[in-house]
Amino acid sequence: MTHPTTTPTPRICPHCDGFASAAITTGSRDRHGHLPTLTIDCRACNGQGAVPARRVREAARV
């Protein structure tokens, strides 16, 4: 009997733990007194927070 194939669910990115974007302050203020921030995305998951699930490989039987 064959089982229906399902797409594996994505897993949480191990590099950013699902927090894919971070706002980092530059440390200085502009001439209006505002504190500029930079939004940085995780390089491993490209800002998505999840990576594709690994495919389970069956071991060869001897």
C-alpha atoms as a PDB file:
ATOM      1  CA  MET A   1       0.000   0.000   0.000  1.00  0.00           C
ATOM      2  CA  THR A   2       1.372   3.388  -0.907  1.00  0.00           C
ATOM      3  CA  HIS A   3       1.172   6.326   1.420  1.00  0.00           C
ATOM      4  CA  PRO A   4       0.147   9.753   0.188  1.00  0.00           C
ATOM      5  CA  THR A   5       3.109  12.045  -0.214  1.00  0.00           C
ATOM      6  CA  THR A   6       3.049  15.206   1.816  1.00  0.00           C
ATOM      7  CA  THR A   7       5.372  18.132   1.660  1.00  0.00           C
ATOM      8  CA  PRO A   8       7.608  18.286   4.711  1.00  0.00           C
ATOM      9  CA  THR A   9       6.966  21.234   6.988  1.00  0.00           C
ATOM     10  CA  PRO A  10       9.787  23.762   7.167  1.00  0.00           C
ATOM     11  CA  ARG A  11      11.796  23.815  10.350  1.00  0.00           C
ATOM     12  CA  ILE A  12      12.897  26.835  12.370  1.00  0.00           C
ATOM     13  CA  CYS A  13      16.216  28.255  11.257  1.00  0.00           C
ATOM     14  CA  PRO A  14      18.942  27.059  13.656  1.00  0.00           C
ATOM     15  CA  HIS A  15      20.994  30.224  13.106  1.00  0.00           C
ATOM     16  CA  CYS A  16      18.386  32.814  14.114  1.00  0.00           C
ATOM     17  CA  ASP A  17      15.851  30.628  16.037  1.00  0.00           C
ATOM     18  CA  GLY A  18      12.997  32.001  13.926  1.00  0.00           C
ATOM     19  CA  PHE A  19      13.783  35.676  14.568  1.00  0.00           C
ATOM     20  CA  ALA A  20      14.861  36.381  11.012  1.00  0.00           C
ATOM     21  CA  SER A  21      15.179  40.178  11.160  1.00  0.00           C
ATOM     22  CA  ALA A  22      16.828  42.396  13.726  1.00  0.00           C
ATOM     23  CA  ALA A  23      16.820  46.179  14.095  1.00  0.00           C
ATOM     24  CA  ILE A  24      20.271  47.462  15.002  1.00  0.00           C
ATOM     25  CA  THR A  25      20.932  51.045  16.050  1.00  0.00           C
ATOM     26  CA  THR A  26      23.867  52.890  14.545  1.00  0.00           C
ATOM     27  CA  GLY A  27      24.757  54.542  17.854  1.00  0.00           C
ATOM     28  CA  SER A  28      24.665  58.107  16.582  1.00  0.00           C
ATOM     29  CA  ARG A  29      21.838  60.567  16.017  1.00  0.00           C
ATOM     30  CA  ASP A  30      21.078  62.503  12.881  1.00  0.00           C
ATOM     31  CA  ARG A  31      20.655  66.280  12.748  1.00  0.00           C
ATOM     32  CA  HIS A  32      16.943  65.965  13.702  1.00  0.00           C
ATOM     33  CA  GLY A  33      17.773  63.967  16.838  1.00  0.00           C
ATOM     34  CA  HIS A  34      16.481  60.648  15.505  1.00  0.00           C
ATOM     35  CA  LEU A  35      18.301  57.398  16.191  1.00  0.00           C
ATOM     36  CA  PRO A  36      18.703  55.628  12.825  1.00  0.00           C
ATOM     37  CA  THR A  37      18.310  51.863  12.756  1.00  0.00           C
ATOM     38  CA  LEU A  38      19.291  49.230  10.220  1.00  0.00           C
ATOM     39  CA  THR A  39      17.124  46.181   9.559  1.00  0.00           C
ATOM     40  CA  ILE A  40      19.338  43.133   9.097  1.00  0.00           C
ATOM     41  CA  ASP A  41      18.087  39.756   7.816  1.00  0.00           C
ATOM     42  CA  CYS A  42      19.502  36.352   8.737  1.00  0.00           C
ATOM     43  CA  ARG A  43      21.917  35.172   6.051  1.00  0.00           C
ATOM     44  CA  ALA A  44      21.102  31.487   6.494  1.00  0.00           C
ATOM     45  CA  CYS A  45      17.339  31.739   5.877  1.00  0.00           C
ATOM     46  CA  ASN A  46      17.270  35.044   3.938  1.00  0.00           C
ATOM     47  CA  GLY A  47      14.945  36.655   6.459  1.00  0.00           C
ATOM     48  CA  GLN A  48      12.255  33.973   6.364  1.00  0.00           C
ATOM     49  CA  GLY A  49      12.811  32.404   9.810  1.00  0.00           C
ATOM     50  CA  ALA A  50      12.555  28.863   8.478  1.00  0.00           C
ATOM     51  CA  VAL A  51      14.672  26.559   6.366  1.00  0.00           C
ATOM     52  CA  PRO A  52      13.445  23.687   4.213  1.00  0.00           C
ATOM     53  CA  ALA A  53      12.983  20.398   6.027  1.00  0.00           C
ATOM     54  CA  ARG A  54      15.625  17.790   5.484  1.00  0.00           C
ATOM     55  CA  ARG A  55      14.794  14.821   3.379  1.00  0.00           C
ATOM     56  CA  VAL A  56      14.993  11.533   5.186  1.00  0.00           C
ATOM     57  CA  ARG A  57      17.249   9.188   3.331  1.00  0.00           C
ATOM     58  CA  GLU A  58      16.744   5.501   3.684  1.00  0.00           C
ATOM     59  CA  ALA A  59      19.832   3.518   4.509  1.00  0.00           C
ATOM     60  CA  ALA A  60      20.850   0.816   2.118  1.00  0.00           C
ATOM     61  CA  ARG A  61      20.242  -2.617   3.473  1.00  0.00           C
ATOM     62  CA  VAL A  62      22.961  -5.171   3.128  1.00  0.00           C
END
